[in-house]
Protein backbone atom coordinates (compact mmCIF):
# COMPACT_ATOMS: atom_id res chain seq x y z
CA MET A 1 -20.65 -14.47 -10.08
CA GLY A 2 -22.65 -12.22 -8.60
CA ALA A 3 -20.04 -9.73 -6.98
CA ALA A 4 -18.79 -6.84 -8.63
CA LEU A 5 -15.13 -6.11 -9.63
CA SER A 6 -13.28 -3.89 -7.07
CA LYS A 7 -10.19 -2.41 -7.98
CA ALA A 8 -6.86 -2.69 -5.76
CA THR A 9 -6.08 1.00 -5.76
CA ASN A 10 -2.11 0.40 -4.69
CA PHE A 11 -1.53 -2.99 -6.50
CA VAL A 12 2.21 -3.77 -5.73
CA GLY A 13 3.18 -6.50 -8.70
CA GLY A 14 6.90 -5.89 -9.09
CA GLY A 15 9.06 -8.12 -11.22
CA GLY A 16 9.55 -10.98 -8.70
CA PRO A 17 7.50 -14.33 -8.67
CA GLN A 18 3.76 -13.67 -8.73
CA LYS A 19 0.83 -16.16 -8.45
CA MET A 20 -2.86 -16.80 -8.07
CA VAL A 21 -4.58 -18.35 -4.96
CA PHE A 22 -7.98 -19.29 -4.42
CA VAL A 23 -9.24 -19.94 -1.07
CA VAL A 24 -12.26 -21.95 -1.11
CA ASN A 25 -15.26 -21.92 1.27
CA THR A 26 -15.30 -25.39 2.58
CA SER A 27 -18.28 -24.98 4.82
CA LEU A 28 -20.67 -24.70 1.57
CA ARG A 29 -19.39 -28.67 0.79
CA MET A 30 -19.28 -28.22 -3.10
CA GLY A 31 -18.98 -30.71 -5.23
CA ALA A 32 -15.73 -30.71 -7.37
CA GLY A 33 -17.39 -29.55 -10.34
CA LYS A 34 -19.09 -26.44 -8.90
CA MET A 35 -15.87 -25.65 -7.06
CA ALA A 36 -13.96 -26.13 -10.10
CA ALA A 37 -16.10 -23.31 -11.65
CA GLN A 38 -16.15 -20.92 -9.32
CA VAL A 39 -12.72 -21.01 -8.83
CA GLY A 40 -12.82 -20.34 -12.70
CA HIS A 41 -14.78 -17.42 -11.72
CA ALA A 42 -12.05 -16.19 -9.31
CA ALA A 43 -9.49 -16.67 -11.94
CA VAL A 44 -10.99 -14.56 -14.39
CA ALA A 45 -12.22 -12.06 -12.17
CA VAL A 46 -8.57 -11.22 -10.67
CA TYR A 47 -7.11 -11.51 -14.23
CA ARG A 48 -9.68 -8.98 -15.76
CA LEU A 49 -8.62 -6.47 -12.50
CA ALA A 50 -4.97 -7.22 -13.07
CA LEU A 51 -5.29 -5.84 -17.10
CA GLU A 52 -6.70 -2.43 -15.10
CA SER A 53 -3.36 -0.95 -14.61
CA ASP A 54 -0.27 -1.18 -16.46
CA GLU A 55 1.46 -2.81 -13.32
CA GLY A 56 -1.12 -5.47 -13.41
CA ARG A 57 -0.70 -6.11 -16.88
CA ASN A 58 3.32 -6.00 -16.34
CA ALA A 59 2.66 -8.83 -13.13
CA LEU A 60 0.64 -11.01 -15.37
CA GLU A 61 2.93 -11.12 -18.22
CA HIS A 62 5.61 -11.92 -15.56
CA TRP A 63 3.28 -14.75 -14.19
CA ALA A 64 3.08 -15.76 -17.60
CA ARG A 65 6.61 -16.17 -18.33
CA HIS A 66 7.34 -18.43 -15.64
CA GLY A 67 4.55 -20.98 -14.98
CA GLU A 68 1.17 -19.11 -14.42
CA MET A 69 1.51 -20.89 -10.64
CA LYS A 70 -1.84 -21.23 -9.35
CA ILE A 71 -2.83 -22.64 -5.54
CA VAL A 72 -6.11 -23.79 -4.27
CA LEU A 73 -6.48 -23.34 -0.58
CA ARG A 74 -9.47 -23.79 1.84
CA ALA A 75 -10.81 -21.67 4.79
CA ASP A 76 -13.81 -22.67 7.11
CA SER A 77 -16.45 -19.55 6.06
CA ALA A 78 -17.02 -16.79 4.32
CA SER A 79 -16.52 -14.61 7.21
CA GLN A 80 -12.60 -16.39 7.06
CA LEU A 81 -12.65 -15.28 3.43
CA ALA A 82 -14.32 -11.72 3.64
CA GLU A 83 -11.25 -11.68 6.30
CA LEU A 84 -8.48 -12.60 3.76
CA CYS A 85 -9.70 -10.34 0.91
CA LYS A 86 -9.77 -7.24 3.63
CA GLN A 87 -6.26 -8.09 4.42
CA ALA A 88 -5.04 -8.71 0.99
CA GLN A 89 -6.30 -5.50 -0.51
CA GLN A 90 -4.44 -3.40 2.51
CA VAL A 91 -1.15 -4.81 1.72
CA GLY A 92 -1.83 -3.77 -2.45
CA LEU A 93 -3.01 -7.33 -3.92
CA ILE A 94 -5.82 -7.85 -6.24
CA ALA A 95 -8.45 -9.35 -4.46
CA GLN A 96 -11.86 -10.29 -5.23
CA LEU A 97 -14.62 -12.46 -3.67
CA ILE A 98 -16.75 -14.61 -5.61
CA HIS A 99 -20.46 -14.87 -4.79
CA ASP A 100 -22.63 -17.64 -6.29
CA ALA A 101 -25.45 -16.92 -8.59
CA GLY A 102 -27.84 -20.07 -6.81
CA HIS A 103 -28.67 -21.70 -10.31
CA THR A 104 -27.40 -24.89 -8.94
CA GLN A 105 -25.82 -26.53 -5.81
CA ILE A 106 -25.82 -23.53 -3.35
CA ALA A 107 -27.94 -20.60 -2.66
CA ALA A 108 -27.92 -17.05 -4.24
CA GLY A 109 -25.16 -14.83 -2.71
CA SER A 110 -23.51 -17.56 -1.32
CA CYS A 111 -19.55 -16.52 -0.83
CA THR A 112 -17.44 -19.40 -2.86
CA VAL A 113 -14.06 -18.24 -3.29
CA LEU A 114 -11.62 -15.90 -2.84
CA GLY A 115 -9.35 -15.12 -5.65
CA ILE A 116 -5.98 -13.23 -5.16
CA PHE A 117 -2.92 -12.35 -7.44
CA GLY A 118 0.15 -10.73 -6.96
CA PRO A 119 3.94 -11.22 -5.54
CA ARG A 120 4.12 -14.64 -4.15
CA GLU A 121 5.94 -13.42 -1.10
CA GLU A 122 3.41 -10.64 -0.24
CA ILE A 123 0.00 -13.13 -0.46
CA ASP A 124 2.07 -15.79 1.44
CA LYS A 125 1.86 -13.22 4.20
CA VAL A 126 -1.71 -13.20 3.81
CA THR A 127 -2.55 -17.03 3.11
CA GLY A 128 0.80 -18.89 4.53
CA HIS A 129 -1.15 -20.41 7.26
CA LEU A 130 -3.84 -22.17 5.19
CA LYS A 131 -4.10 -25.29 3.87
CA LEU A 132 -3.75 -26.68 0.57
CA HIS A 133 -7.23 -27.81 -0.79
CA ASN A 134 -7.56 -31.52 -1.55
């Protein structure tokens, strides 16, 4: 994971339903194993970011008690991932772009996945128009 973790300064945790969403850059045409690894990097990254605040830790506890909802969606490009990340952070969600180290299938620095964590309602405002990854 080449990107440094960035903090969400105004995280909107709350006690409602929480979820993690992973938006995959389909333009890279990653194999299933590569994509799974990149989604795993994103999950760990947003989890670690959430641990950095009391509100984030409370949201993680609520998420863990209520099924640990995780959704994988698709995007067409790295620029789309960057725009979604910006939108997510602007509304106070924890969001992290993942960049590949370049050891296997794709070029170093390629933006592979966007991970987002927070209230389901807020995430849906940012990602609700995207399709599920199949």
